[in-house]
Amino acid sequence: MNTIDVKSMNFTELSAALSEMGLPSYRAKQIYSWIHQKCALDYDEMTNLPLSLREKLKEELRLKKCTIERKQVSAEDGTVKALTPRQVADLLGHTTSEITEMYYVKRNTDMLMGVTNGFEL
């Protein structure tokens, strides 16, 4: 079993891992899309993959779920802080990890147009 969590692989790394398993290249696009665009938390959610492939992926490539140990929500601005358990933090080399989700009011960004070269904010 590959010890690297699939969610932490970039597309090239995922393609290489799947190639080593003897899978066609289009599977990397499917799986990468499920993980990074559709936010799948489990191989069973990847319904456009055959059941036999999903079972093989469970055996060969780790897809860890992130669980929350403790969560705080700021009454002032709605910022969410979540503390993850040790298993997830170990992947990062820490005893625990803190995740912060912050919300911002959309501001008038017209003045940034020259700086961002038309990139839509």
PDB file of N, CA and C in Angstrom:
ATOM      1  N   MET A   1       0.833  -1.186   0.000  1.00  0.00           N
ATOM      2  CA  MET A   1       0.000   0.000   0.000  1.00  0.00           C
ATOM      3  C   MET A   1       0.873   1.243   0.000  1.00  0.00           C
ATOM      4  N   ASN A   2       0.500   2.204  -0.820  1.00  0.00           N
ATOM      5  CA  ASN A   2       1.189   3.490  -0.871  1.00  0.00           C
ATOM      6  C   ASN A   2       0.919   4.220   0.441  1.00  0.00           C
ATOM      7  N   THR A   3       1.954   4.729   1.088  1.00  0.00           N
ATOM      8  CA  THR A   3       1.782   5.369   2.390  1.00  0.00           C
ATOM      9  C   THR A   3       1.376   6.835   2.290  1.00  0.00           C
ATOM     10  N   ILE A   4       1.452   7.422   1.099  1.00  0.00           N
ATOM     11  CA  ILE A   4       1.074   8.819   0.917  1.00  0.00           C
ATOM     12  C   ILE A   4      -0.423   8.898   0.695  1.00  0.00           C
ATOM     13  N   ASP A   5      -1.082   9.809   1.407  1.00  0.00           N
ATOM     14  CA  ASP A   5      -2.513  10.010   1.231  1.00  0.00           C
ATOM     15  C   ASP A   5      -2.764  10.569  -0.166  1.00  0.00           C
ATOM     16  N   VAL A   6      -3.724   9.994  -0.869  1.00  0.00           N
ATOM     17  CA  VAL A   6      -4.031  10.403  -2.239  1.00  0.00           C
ATOM     18  C   VAL A   6      -4.361  11.895  -2.316  1.00  0.00           C
ATOM     19  N   LYS A   7      -5.000  12.438  -1.292  1.00  0.00           N
ATOM     20  CA  LYS A   7      -5.371  13.864  -1.306  1.00  0.00           C
ATOM     21  C   LYS A   7      -4.157  14.778  -1.337  1.00  0.00           C
ATOM     22  N   SER A   8      -3.026  14.290  -0.880  1.00  0.00           N
ATOM     23  CA  SER A   8      -1.828  15.130  -0.867  1.00  0.00           C
ATOM     24  C   SER A   8      -0.998  14.982  -2.141  1.00  0.00           C
ATOM     25  N   MET A   9      -1.414  14.098  -3.043  1.00  0.00           N
ATOM     26  CA  MET A   9      -0.687  13.918  -4.304  1.00  0.00           C
ATOM     27  C   MET A   9      -1.114  14.975  -5.318  1.00  0.00           C
ATOM     28  N   ASN A  10      -0.143  15.476  -6.080  1.00  0.00           N
ATOM     29  CA  ASN A  10      -0.531  16.329  -7.203  1.00  0.00           C
ATOM     30  C   ASN A  10      -0.923  15.404  -8.359  1.00  0.00           C
ATOM     31  N   PHE A  11      -1.377  15.987  -9.461  1.00  0.00           N
ATOM     32  CA  PHE A  11      -1.879  15.180 -10.567  1.00  0.00           C
ATOM     33  C   PHE A  11      -0.807  14.247 -11.130  1.00  0.00           C
ATOM     34  N   THR A  12       0.413  14.732 -11.248  1.00  0.00           N
ATOM     35  CA  THR A  12       1.509  13.925 -11.787  1.00  0.00           C
ATOM     36  C   THR A  12       1.798  12.729 -10.886  1.00  0.00           C
ATOM     37  N   GLU A  13       1.829  12.955  -9.578  1.00  0.00           N
ATOM     38  CA  GLU A  13       2.092  11.870  -8.632  1.00  0.00           C
ATOM     39  C   GLU A  13       0.973  10.832  -8.659  1.00  0.00           C
ATOM     40  N   LEU A  14      -0.277  11.303  -8.728  1.00  0.00           N
ATOM     41  CA  LEU A  14      -1.411  10.385  -8.800  1.00  0.00           C
ATOM     42  C   LEU A  14      -1.355   9.561 -10.084  1.00  0.00           C
ATOM     43  N   SER A  15      -1.055  10.226 -11.199  1.00  0.00           N
ATOM     44  CA  SER A  15      -0.941   9.519 -12.485  1.00  0.00           C
ATOM     45  C   SER A  15       0.115   8.428 -12.418  1.00  0.00           C
ATOM     46  N   ALA A  16       1.255   8.738 -11.810  1.00  0.00           N
ATOM     47  CA  ALA A  16       2.342   7.755 -11.694  1.00  0.00           C
ATOM     48  C   ALA A  16       1.924   6.576 -10.819  1.00  0.00           C
ATOM     49  N   ALA A  17       1.262   6.871  -9.704  1.00  0.00           N
ATOM     50  CA  ALA A  17       0.824   5.800  -8.804  1.00  0.00           C
ATOM     51  C   ALA A  17      -0.185   4.885  -9.495  1.00  0.00           C
ATOM     52  N   LEU A  18      -1.112   5.465 -10.243  1.00  0.00           N
ATOM     53  CA  LEU A  18      -2.111   4.664 -10.948  1.00  0.00           C
ATOM     54  C   LEU A  18      -1.487   3.889 -12.095  1.00  0.00           C
ATOM     55  N   SER A  19      -0.497   4.481 -12.740  1.00  0.00           N
ATOM     56  CA  SER A  19       0.213   3.798 -13.819  1.00  0.00           C
ATOM     57  C   SER A  19       0.927   2.560 -13.281  1.00  0.00           C
ATOM     58  N   GLU A  20       1.534   2.693 -12.090  1.00  0.00           N
ATOM     59  CA  GLU A  20       2.203   1.555 -11.444  1.00  0.00           C
ATOM     60  C   GLU A  20       1.217   0.436 -11.134  1.00  0.00           C
ATOM     61  N   MET A  21      -0.057   0.806 -10.933  1.00  0.00           N
ATOM     62  CA  MET A  21      -1.100  -0.186 -10.668  1.00  0.00           C
ATOM     63  C   MET A  21      -1.636  -0.789 -11.970  1.00  0.00           C
ATOM     64  N   GLY A  22      -1.130  -0.287 -13.118  1.00  0.00           N
ATOM     65  CA  GLY A  22      -1.556  -0.798 -14.408  1.00  0.00           C
ATOM     66  C   GLY A  22      -2.867  -0.201 -14.912  1.00  0.00           C
ATOM     67  N   LEU A  23      -3.228   0.965 -14.394  1.00  0.00           N
ATOM     68  CA  LEU A  23      -4.481   1.599 -14.799  1.00  0.00           C
ATOM     69  C   LEU A  23      -4.253   2.590 -15.932  1.00  0.00           C
ATOM     70  N   PRO A  24      -5.251   2.782 -16.794  1.00  0.00           N
ATOM     71  CA  PRO A  24      -5.119   3.741 -17.896  1.00  0.00           C
ATOM     72  C   PRO A  24      -5.059   5.177 -17.373  1.00  0.00           C
ATOM     73  N   SER A  25      -4.460   6.059 -18.152  1.00  0.00           N
ATOM     74  CA  SER A  25      -4.222   7.443 -17.720  1.00  0.00           C
ATOM     75  C   SER A  25      -5.501   8.217 -17.426  1.00  0.00           C
ATOM     76  N   TYR A  26      -6.605   7.896 -18.108  1.00  0.00           N
ATOM     77  CA  TYR A  26      -7.834   8.654 -17.867  1.00  0.00           C
ATOM     78  C   TYR A  26      -8.375   8.453 -16.451  1.00  0.00           C
ATOM     79  N   ARG A  27      -7.983   7.361 -15.790  1.00  0.00           N
ATOM     80  CA  ARG A  27      -8.440   7.141 -14.413  1.00  0.00           C
ATOM     81  C   ARG A  27      -7.894   8.218 -13.476  1.00  0.00           C
ATOM     82  N   ALA A  28      -6.697   8.709 -13.744  1.00  0.00           N
ATOM     83  CA  ALA A  28      -6.124   9.768 -12.906  1.00  0.00           C
ATOM     84  C   ALA A  28      -6.991  11.013 -12.966  1.00  0.00           C
ATOM     85  N   LYS A  29      -7.475  11.362 -14.150  1.00  0.00           N
ATOM     86  CA  LYS A  29      -8.345  12.534 -14.293  1.00  0.00           C
ATOM     87  C   LYS A  29      -9.638  12.345 -13.515  1.00  0.00           C
ATOM     88  N   GLN A  30     -10.205  11.144 -13.611  1.00  0.00           N
ATOM     89  CA  GLN A  30     -11.452  10.875 -12.896  1.00  0.00           C
ATOM     90  C   GLN A  30     -11.259  10.986 -11.388  1.00  0.00           C
ATOM     91  N   ILE A  31     -10.243  10.320 -10.864  1.00  0.00           N
ATOM     92  CA  ILE A  31     -10.017  10.290  -9.422  1.00  0.00           C
ATOM     93  C   ILE A  31      -9.617  11.659  -8.904  1.00  0.00           C
ATOM     94  N   TYR A  32      -8.750  12.340  -9.638  1.00  0.00           N
ATOM     95  CA  TYR A  32      -8.323  13.686  -9.229  1.00  0.00           C
ATOM     96  C   TYR A  32      -9.527  14.631  -9.168  1.00  0.00           C
ATOM     97  N   SER A  33     -10.416  14.517 -10.138  1.00  0.00           N
ATOM     98  CA  SER A  33     -11.628  15.330 -10.162  1.00  0.00           C
ATOM     99  C   SER A  33     -12.513  15.026  -8.958  1.00  0.00           C
ATOM    100  N   TRP A  34     -12.691  13.758  -8.650  1.00  0.00           N
ATOM    101  CA  TRP A  34     -13.514  13.386  -7.505  1.00  0.00           C
ATOM    102  C   TRP A  34     -12.943  13.956  -6.205  1.00  0.00           C
ATOM    103  N   ILE A  35     -11.646  13.898  -6.050  1.00  0.00           N
ATOM    104  CA  ILE A  35     -11.033  14.336  -4.790  1.00  0.00           C
ATOM    105  C   ILE A  35     -10.971  15.859  -4.690  1.00  0.00           C
ATOM    106  N   HIS A  36     -10.539  16.534  -5.749  1.00  0.00           N
ATOM    107  CA  HIS A  36     -10.253  17.967  -5.656  1.00  0.00           C
ATOM    108  C   HIS A  36     -11.359  18.878  -6.170  1.00  0.00           C
ATOM    109  N   GLN A  37     -12.287  18.378  -6.954  1.00  0.00           N
ATOM    110  CA  GLN A  37     -13.376  19.216  -7.437  1.00  0.00           C
ATOM    111  C   GLN A  37     -14.699  18.852  -6.772  1.00  0.00           C
ATOM    112  N   LYS A  38     -14.947  17.556  -6.621  1.00  0.00           N
ATOM    113  CA  LYS A  38     -16.207  17.109  -6.019  1.00  0.00           C
ATOM    114  C   LYS A  38     -16.056  16.822  -4.529  1.00  0.00           C
ATOM    115  N   CYS A  39     -14.821  16.911  -4.029  1.00  0.00           N
ATOM    116  CA  CYS A  39     -14.503  16.739  -2.602  1.00  0.00           C
ATOM    117  C   CYS A  39     -14.965  15.395  -2.048  1.00  0.00           C
ATOM    118  N   ALA A  40     -14.761  14.332  -2.805  1.00  0.00           N
ATOM    119  CA  ALA A  40     -15.116  12.992  -2.338  1.00  0.00           C
ATOM    120  C   ALA A  40     -14.244  12.623  -1.140  1.00  0.00           C
ATOM    121  N   LEU A  41     -14.865  12.029  -0.138  1.00  0.00           N
ATOM    122  CA  LEU A  41     -14.157  11.633   1.066  1.00  0.00           C
ATOM    123  C   LEU A  41     -13.873  10.141   1.114  1.00  0.00           C
ATOM    124  N   ASP A  42     -14.419   9.407   0.139  1.00  0.00           N
ATOM    125  CA  ASP A  42     -14.298   7.960   0.146  1.00  0.00           C
ATOM    126  C   ASP A  42     -14.363   7.464  -1.298  1.00  0.00           C
ATOM    127  N   TYR A  43     -13.688   6.368  -1.568  1.00  0.00           N
ATOM    128  CA  TYR A  43     -13.720   5.809  -2.921  1.00  0.00           C
ATOM    129  C   TYR A  43     -15.133   5.383  -3.317  1.00  0.00           C
ATOM    130  N   ASP A  44     -15.952   5.002  -2.358  1.00  0.00           N
ATOM    131  CA  ASP A  44     -17.321   4.572  -2.659  1.00  0.00           C
ATOM    132  C   ASP A  44     -18.163   5.693  -3.268  1.00  0.00           C
ATOM    133  N   GLU A  45     -17.781   6.941  -3.038  1.00  0.00           N
ATOM    134  CA  GLU A  45     -18.501   8.074  -3.629  1.00  0.00           C
ATOM    135  C   GLU A  45     -18.196   8.217  -5.125  1.00  0.00           C
ATOM    136  N   MET A  46     -17.150   7.614  -5.588  1.00  0.00           N
ATOM    137  CA  MET A  46     -16.695   7.761  -6.980  1.00  0.00           C
ATOM    138  C   MET A  46     -17.473   6.797  -7.870  1.00  0.00           C
ATOM    139  N   THR A  47     -18.730   7.118  -8.085  1.00  0.00           N
ATOM    140  CA  THR A  47     -19.667   6.189  -8.713  1.00  0.00           C
ATOM    141  C   THR A  47     -19.415   5.929 -10.197  1.00  0.00           C
ATOM    142  N   ASN A  48     -18.579   6.739 -10.843  1.00  0.00           N
ATOM    143  CA  ASN A  48     -18.279   6.454 -12.253  1.00  0.00           C
ATOM    144  C   ASN A  48     -17.078   5.500 -12.393  1.00  0.00           C
ATOM    145  N   LEU A  49     -16.566   5.009 -11.267  1.00  0.00           N
ATOM    146  CA  LEU A  49     -15.511   3.998 -11.281  1.00  0.00           C
ATOM    147  C   LEU A  49     -16.143   2.640 -10.990  1.00  0.00           C
ATOM    148  N   PRO A  50     -15.695   1.594 -11.674  1.00  0.00           N
ATOM    149  CA  PRO A  50     -16.234   0.262 -11.394  1.00  0.00           C
ATOM    150  C   PRO A  50     -15.990  -0.134  -9.932  1.00  0.00           C
ATOM    151  N   LEU A  51     -16.910  -0.893  -9.377  1.00  0.00           N
ATOM    152  CA  LEU A  51     -16.788  -1.333  -7.990  1.00  0.00           C
ATOM    153  C   LEU A  51     -15.470  -2.069  -7.754  1.00  0.00           C
ATOM    154  N   SER A  52     -15.067  -2.899  -8.714  1.00  0.00           N
ATOM    155  CA  SER A  52     -13.808  -3.648  -8.558  1.00  0.00           C
ATOM    156  C   SER A  52     -12.608  -2.698  -8.466  1.00  0.00           C
ATOM    157  N   LEU A  53     -12.644  -1.598  -9.204  1.00  0.00           N
ATOM    158  CA  LEU A  53     -11.559  -0.618  -9.147  1.00  0.00           C
ATOM    159  C   LEU A  53     -11.574   0.111  -7.809  1.00  0.00           C
ATOM    160  N   ARG A  54     -12.764   0.461  -7.339  1.00  0.00           N
ATOM    161  CA  ARG A  54     -12.860   1.144  -6.032  1.00  0.00           C
ATOM    162  C   ARG A  54     -12.293   0.264  -4.925  1.00  0.00           C
ATOM    163  N   GLU A  55     -12.571  -1.031  -4.993  1.00  0.00           N
ATOM    164  CA  GLU A  55     -12.031  -1.959  -3.990  1.00  0.00           C
ATOM    165  C   GLU A  55     -10.506  -2.040  -4.100  1.00  0.00           C
ATOM    166  N   LYS A  56     -10.000  -2.081  -5.320  1.00  0.00           N
ATOM    167  CA  LYS A  56      -8.543  -2.128  -5.543  1.00  0.00           C
ATOM    168  C   LYS A  56      -7.884  -0.852  -5.012  1.00  0.00           C
ATOM    169  N   LEU A  57      -8.511   0.303  -5.252  1.00  0.00           N
ATOM    170  CA  LEU A  57      -7.970   1.577  -4.768  1.00  0.00           C
ATOM    171  C   LEU A  57      -7.917   1.607  -3.245  1.00  0.00           C
ATOM    172  N   LYS A  58      -8.943   1.071  -2.597  1.00  0.00           N
ATOM    173  CA  LYS A  58      -8.960   1.020  -1.124  1.00  0.00           C
ATOM    174  C   LYS A  58      -7.778   0.224  -0.589  1.00  0.00           C
ATOM    175  N   GLU A  59      -7.415  -0.821  -1.308  1.00  0.00           N
ATOM    176  CA  GLU A  59      -6.293  -1.668  -0.881  1.00  0.00           C
ATOM    177  C   GLU A  59      -4.942  -1.049  -1.188  1.00  0.00           C
ATOM    178  N   GLU A  60      -4.844  -0.318  -2.293  1.00  0.00           N
ATOM    179  CA  GLU A  60      -3.546   0.151  -2.793  1.00  0.00           C
ATOM    180  C   GLU A  60      -3.201   1.603  -2.442  1.00  0.00           C
ATOM    181  N   LEU A  61      -4.195   2.477  -2.440  1.00  0.00           N
ATOM    182  CA  LEU A  61      -3.947   3.906  -2.230  1.00  0.00           C
ATOM    183  C   LEU A  61      -4.774   4.437  -1.064  1.00  0.00           C
ATOM    184  N   ARG A  62      -4.101   4.967  -0.091  1.00  0.00           N
ATOM    185  CA  ARG A  62      -4.772   5.456   1.110  1.00  0.00           C
ATOM    186  C   ARG A  62      -5.529   6.749   0.822  1.00  0.00           C
ATOM    187  N   LEU A  63      -6.754   6.810   1.305  1.00  0.00           N
ATOM    188  CA  LEU A  63      -7.580   8.017   1.218  1.00  0.00           C
ATOM    189  C   LEU A  63      -8.144   8.250   2.611  1.00  0.00           C
ATOM    190  N   LYS A  64      -7.398   9.019   3.407  1.00  0.00           N
ATOM    191  CA  LYS A  64      -7.788   9.241   4.803  1.00  0.00           C
ATOM    192  C   LYS A  64      -8.873  10.295   4.902  1.00  0.00           C
ATOM    193  N   LYS A  65      -9.769  10.058   5.830  1.00  0.00           N
ATOM    194  CA  LYS A  65     -10.806  11.032   6.133  1.00  0.00           C
ATOM    195  C   LYS A  65     -10.303  11.951   7.237  1.00  0.00           C
ATOM    196  N   CYS A  66     -10.628  13.198   7.114  1.00  0.00           N
ATOM    197  CA  CYS A  66     -10.261  14.175   8.127  1.00  0.00           C
ATOM    198  C   CYS A  66     -11.444  14.341   9.071  1.00  0.00           C
ATOM    199  N   THR A  67     -11.224  14.078  10.336  1.00  0.00           N
ATOM    200  CA  THR A  67     -12.275  14.278  11.326  1.00  0.00           C
ATOM    201  C   THR A  67     -11.884  15.441  12.231  1.00  0.00           C
ATOM    202  N   ILE A  68     -12.861  16.019  12.850  1.00  0.00           N
ATOM    203  CA  ILE A  68     -12.652  17.190  13.694  1.00  0.00           C
ATOM    204  C   ILE A  68     -12.756  16.790  15.159  1.00  0.00           C
ATOM    205  N   GLU A  69     -11.735  17.133  15.942  1.00  0.00           N
ATOM    206  CA  GLU A  69     -11.736  16.856  17.371  1.00  0.00           C
ATOM    207  C   GLU A  69     -12.489  17.941  18.131  1.00  0.00           C
ATOM    208  N   ARG A  70     -12.221  19.177  17.772  1.00  0.00           N
ATOM    209  CA  ARG A  70     -12.840  20.312  18.460  1.00  0.00           C
ATOM    210  C   ARG A  70     -13.002  21.450  17.466  1.00  0.00           C
ATOM    211  N   LYS A  71     -14.092  22.188  17.614  1.00  0.00           N
ATOM    212  CA  LYS A  71     -14.394  23.266  16.674  1.00  0.00           C
ATOM    213  C   LYS A  71     -14.840  24.508  17.436  1.00  0.00           C
ATOM    214  N   GLN A  72     -14.335  25.668  17.011  1.00  0.00           N
ATOM    215  CA  GLN A  72     -14.730  26.949  17.601  1.00  0.00           C
ATOM    216  C   GLN A  72     -15.216  27.857  16.484  1.00  0.00           C
ATOM    217  N   VAL A  73     -16.327  28.552  16.737  1.00  0.00           N
ATOM    218  CA  VAL A  73     -16.854  29.500  15.766  1.00  0.00           C
ATOM    219  C   VAL A  73     -16.887  30.863  16.427  1.00  0.00           C
ATOM    220  N   SER A  74     -16.247  31.848  15.811  1.00  0.00           N
ATOM    221  CA  SER A  74     -16.210  33.198  16.339  1.00  0.00           C
ATOM    222  C   SER A  74     -17.578  33.855  16.197  1.00  0.00           C
ATOM    223  N   ALA A  75     -18.092  34.386  17.300  1.00  0.00           N
ATOM    224  CA  ALA A  75     -19.373  35.104  17.264  1.00  0.00           C
ATOM    225  C   ALA A  75     -19.215  36.435  16.542  1.00  0.00           C
ATOM    226  N   GLU A  76     -17.997  36.959  16.524  1.00  0.00           N
ATOM    227  CA  GLU A  76     -17.742  38.266  15.925  1.00  0.00           C
ATOM    228  C   GLU A  76     -17.817  38.244  14.399  1.00  0.00           C
ATOM    229  N   ASP A  77     -17.087  37.306  13.764  1.00  0.00           N
ATOM    230  CA  ASP A  77     -17.030  37.328  12.300  1.00  0.00           C
ATOM    231  C   ASP A  77     -17.294  35.973  11.641  1.00  0.00           C
ATOM    232  N   GLY A  78     -17.639  34.939  12.421  1.00  0.00           N
ATOM    233  CA  GLY A  78     -17.956  33.641  11.847  1.00  0.00           C
ATOM    234  C   GLY A  78     -16.753  32.793  11.487  1.00  0.00           C
ATOM    235  N   THR A  79     -15.541  33.248  11.832  1.00  0.00           N
ATOM    236  CA  THR A  79     -14.347  32.454  11.574  1.00  0.00           C
ATOM    237  C   THR A  79     -14.478  31.119  12.289  1.00  0.00           C
ATOM    238  N   VAL A  80     -14.134  30.040  11.593  1.00  0.00           N
ATOM    239  CA  VAL A  80     -14.224  28.698  12.157  1.00  0.00           C
ATOM    240  C   VAL A  80     -12.811  28.159  12.347  1.00  0.00           C
ATOM    241  N   LYS A  81     -12.510  27.690  13.553  1.00  0.00           N
ATOM    242  CA  LYS A  81     -11.241  27.021  13.823  1.00  0.00           C
ATOM    243  C   LYS A  81     -11.558  25.590  14.204  1.00  0.00           C
ATOM    244  N   ALA A  82     -10.867  24.646  13.582  1.00  0.00           N
ATOM    245  CA  ALA A  82     -11.105  23.237  13.859  1.00  0.00           C
ATOM    246  C   ALA A  82      -9.788  22.557  14.192  1.00  0.00           C
ATOM    247  N   LEU A  83      -9.806  21.717  15.211  1.00  0.00           N
ATOM    248  CA  LEU A  83      -8.626  20.974  15.627  1.00  0.00           C
ATOM    249  C   LEU A  83      -8.795  19.540  15.150  1.00  0.00           C
ATOM    250  N   THR A  84      -7.824  19.040  14.403  1.00  0.00           N
ATOM    251  CA  THR A  84      -7.900  17.682  13.864  1.00  0.00           C
ATOM    252  C   THR A  84      -7.199  16.705  14.807  1.00  0.00           C
ATOM    253  N   PRO A  85      -7.557  15.434  14.736  1.00  0.00           N
ATOM    254  CA  PRO A  85      -6.915  14.452  15.613  1.00  0.00           C
ATOM    255  C   PRO A  85      -5.481  14.153  15.202  1.00  0.00           C
ATOM    256  N   ARG A  86      -4.816  13.451  16.051  1.00  0.00           N
ATOM    257  CA  ARG A  86      -3.396  13.169  15.883  1.00  0.00           C
ATOM    258  C   ARG A  86      -3.068  12.454  14.568  1.00  0.00           C
ATOM    259  N   GLN A  87      -3.913  11.538  14.113  1.00  0.00           N
ATOM    260  CA  GLN A  87      -3.595  10.783  12.907  1.00  0.00           C
ATOM    261  C   GLN A  87      -3.399  11.708  11.711  1.00  0.00           C
ATOM    262  N   VAL A  88      -4.251  12.695  11.582  1.00  0.00           N
ATOM    263  CA  VAL A  88      -4.132  13.628  10.465  1.00  0.00           C
ATOM    264  C   VAL A  88      -2.906  14.515  10.663  1.00  0.00           C
ATOM    265  N   ALA A  89      -2.724  14.986  11.870  1.00  0.00           N
ATOM    266  CA  ALA A  89      -1.595  15.864  12.163  1.00  0.00           C
ATOM    267  C   ALA A  89      -0.257  15.153  11.962  1.00  0.00           C
ATOM    268  N   ASP A  90      -0.221  13.862  12.230  1.00  0.00           N
ATOM    269  CA  ASP A  90       1.017  13.108  12.036  1.00  0.00           C
ATOM    270  C   ASP A  90       1.509  13.187  10.597  1.00  0.00           C
ATOM    271  N   LEU A  91       0.571  13.262   9.676  1.00  0.00           N
ATOM    272  CA  LEU A  91       0.964  13.398   8.272  1.00  0.00           C
ATOM    273  C   LEU A  91       1.758  14.672   8.043  1.00  0.00           C
ATOM    274  N   LEU A  92       1.480  15.674   8.872  1.00  0.00           N
ATOM    275  CA  LEU A  92       2.161  16.955   8.744  1.00  0.00           C
ATOM    276  C   LEU A  92       3.356  17.073   9.678  1.00  0.00           C
ATOM    277  N   GLY A  93       3.583  16.049  10.500  1.00  0.00           N
ATOM    278  CA  GLY A  93       4.708  16.085  11.425  1.00  0.00           C
ATOM    279  C   GLY A  93       4.434  16.862  12.695  1.00  0.00           C
ATOM    280  N   HIS A  94       3.164  17.026  13.048  1.00  0.00           N
ATOM    281  CA  HIS A  94       2.783  17.743  14.263  1.00  0.00           C
ATOM    282  C   HIS A  94       1.944  16.817  15.138  1.00  0.00           C
ATOM    283  N   THR A  95       1.719  17.211  16.388  1.00  0.00           N
ATOM    284  CA  THR A  95       0.850  16.402  17.246  1.00  0.00           C
ATOM    285  C   THR A  95      -0.613  16.715  16.984  1.00  0.00           C
ATOM    286  N   THR A  96      -0.928  17.952  16.616  1.00  0.00           N
ATOM    287  CA  THR A  96      -2.288  18.324  16.217  1.00  0.00           C
ATOM    288  C   THR A  96      -2.180  19.366  15.120  1.00  0.00           C
ATOM    289  N   SER A  97      -3.251  19.563  14.404  1.00  0.00           N
ATOM    290  CA  SER A  97      -3.291  20.586  13.368  1.00  0.00           C
ATOM    291  C   SER A  97      -4.502  21.462  13.596  1.00  0.00           C
ATOM    292  N   GLU A  98      -4.371  22.713  13.279  1.00  0.00           N
ATOM    293  CA  GLU A  98      -5.499  23.632  13.368  1.00  0.00           C
ATOM    294  C   GLU A  98      -5.836  24.104  11.969  1.00  0.00           C
ATOM    295  N   ILE A  99      -7.109  24.048  11.648  1.00  0.00           N
ATOM    296  CA  ILE A  99      -7.599  24.514  10.363  1.00  0.00           C
ATOM    297  C   ILE A  99      -8.444  25.742  10.631  1.00  0.00           C
ATOM    298  N   THR A 100      -8.228  26.802   9.889  1.00  0.00           N
ATOM    299  CA  THR A 100      -9.016  28.014  10.069  1.00  0.00           C
ATOM    300  C   THR A 100      -9.735  28.336   8.778  1.00  0.00           C
ATOM    301  N   GLU A 101     -11.034  28.542   8.882  1.00  0.00           N
ATOM    302  CA  GLU A 101     -11.859  28.917   7.744  1.00  0.00           C
ATOM    303  C   GLU A 101     -12.366  30.326   8.001  1.00  0.00           C
ATOM    304  N   MET A 102     -12.034  31.241   7.110  1.00  0.00           N
ATOM    305  CA  MET A 102     -12.400  32.642   7.325  1.00  0.00           C
ATOM    306  C   MET A 102     -13.313  33.108   6.196  1.00  0.00           C
ATOM    307  N   TYR A 103     -14.269  33.937   6.560  1.00  0.00           N
ATOM    308  CA  TYR A 103     -15.220  34.466   5.591  1.00  0.00           C
ATOM    309  C   TYR A 103     -15.003  35.971   5.466  1.00  0.00           C
ATOM    310  N   TYR A 104     -15.100  36.478   4.246  1.00  0.00           N
ATOM    311  CA  TYR A 104     -14.892  37.892   3.995  1.00  0.00           C
ATOM    312  C   TYR A 104     -16.075  38.449   3.217  1.00  0.00           C
ATOM    313  N   VAL A 105     -16.386  39.681   3.512  1.00  0.00           N
ATOM    314  CA  VAL A 105     -17.409  40.386   2.755  1.00  0.00           C
ATOM    315  C   VAL A 105     -16.794  40.783   1.422  1.00  0.00           C
ATOM    316  N   LYS A 106     -17.512  40.535   0.330  1.00  0.00           N
ATOM    317  CA  LYS A 106     -16.990  40.908  -0.989  1.00  0.00           C
ATOM    318  C   LYS A 106     -16.894  42.430  -1.048  1.00  0.00           C
ATOM    319  N   ARG A 107     -15.745  42.899  -1.404  1.00  0.00           N
ATOM    320  CA  ARG A 107     -15.495  44.343  -1.458  1.00  0.00           C
ATOM    321  C   ARG A 107     -15.427  44.808  -2.909  1.00  0.00           C
ATOM    322  N   ASN A 108     -15.517  46.093  -3.089  1.00  0.00           N
ATOM    323  CA  ASN A 108     -15.373  46.686  -4.413  1.00  0.00           C
ATOM    324  C   ASN A 108     -13.917  46.494  -4.835  1.00  0.00           C
ATOM    325  N   THR A 109     -13.708  45.714  -5.880  1.00  0.00           N
ATOM    326  CA  THR A 109     -12.351  45.381  -6.304  1.00  0.00           C
ATOM    327  C   THR A 109     -11.962  46.079  -7.603  1.00  0.00           C
ATOM    328  N   ASP A 110     -12.738  47.086  -8.018  1.00  0.00           N
ATOM    329  CA  ASP A 110     -12.435  47.799  -9.263  1.00  0.00           C
ATOM    330  C   ASP A 110     -11.022  48.370  -9.265  1.00  0.00           C
ATOM    331  N   MET A 111     -10.572  48.850  -8.109  1.00  0.00           N
ATOM    332  CA  MET A 111      -9.259  49.485  -8.057  1.00  0.00           C
ATOM    333  C   MET A 111      -8.123  48.482  -8.236  1.00  0.00           C
ATOM    334  N   LEU A 112      -8.394  47.184  -8.116  1.00  0.00           N
ATOM    335  CA  LEU A 112      -7.358  46.170  -8.266  1.00  0.00           C
ATOM    336  C   LEU A 112      -7.206  45.674  -9.698  1.00  0.00           C
ATOM    337  N   MET A 113      -8.057  46.134 -10.592  1.00  0.00           N
ATOM    338  CA  MET A 113      -8.088  45.612 -11.947  1.00  0.00           C
ATOM    339  C   MET A 113      -6.716  45.658 -12.622  1.00  0.00           C
ATOM    340  N   GLY A 114      -5.977  46.736 -12.476  1.00  0.00           N
ATOM    341  CA  GLY A 114      -4.667  46.845 -13.104  1.00  0.00           C
ATOM    342  C   GLY A 114      -3.666  45.881 -12.503  1.00  0.00           C
ATOM    343  N   VAL A 115      -3.786  45.629 -11.206  1.00  0.00           N
ATOM    344  CA  VAL A 115      -2.852  44.747 -10.505  1.00  0.00           C
ATOM    345  C   VAL A 115      -3.101  43.293 -10.883  1.00  0.00           C
ATOM    346  N   THR A 116      -4.377  42.918 -11.041  1.00  0.00           N
ATOM    347  CA  THR A 116      -4.722  41.521 -11.275  1.00  0.00           C
ATOM    348  C   THR A 116      -4.847  41.173 -12.766  1.00  0.00           C
ATOM    349  N   ASN A 117      -4.659  42.140 -13.633  1.00  0.00           N
ATOM    350  CA  ASN A 117      -4.716  41.916 -15.066  1.00  0.00           C
ATOM    351  C   ASN A 117      -6.003  41.240 -15.511  1.00  0.00           C
ATOM    352  N   GLY A 118      -7.100  41.683 -14.938  1.00  0.00           N
ATOM    353  CA  GLY A 118      -8.396  41.178 -15.351  1.00  0.00           C
ATOM    354  C   GLY A 118      -8.815  39.878 -14.698  1.00  0.00           C
ATOM    355  N   PHE A 119      -8.027  39.325 -13.783  1.00  0.00           N
ATOM    356  CA  PHE A 119      -8.406  38.115 -13.079  1.00  0.00           C
ATOM    357  C   PHE A 119      -9.618  38.430 -12.225  1.00  0.00           C
ATOM    358  N   GLU A 120     -10.703  37.656 -12.383  1.00  0.00           N
ATOM    359  CA  GLU A 120     -11.941  37.962 -11.662  1.00  0.00           C
ATOM    360  C   GLU A 120     -11.821  37.546 -10.208  1.00  0.00           C
ATOM    361  N   LEU A 121     -12.052  38.476  -9.313  1.00  0.00           N
ATOM    362  CA  LEU A 121     -12.003  38.214  -7.877  1.00  0.00           C
ATOM    363  C   LEU A 121     -13.367  37.868  -7.352  1.00  0.00           C
TER     364      LEU A 121
END
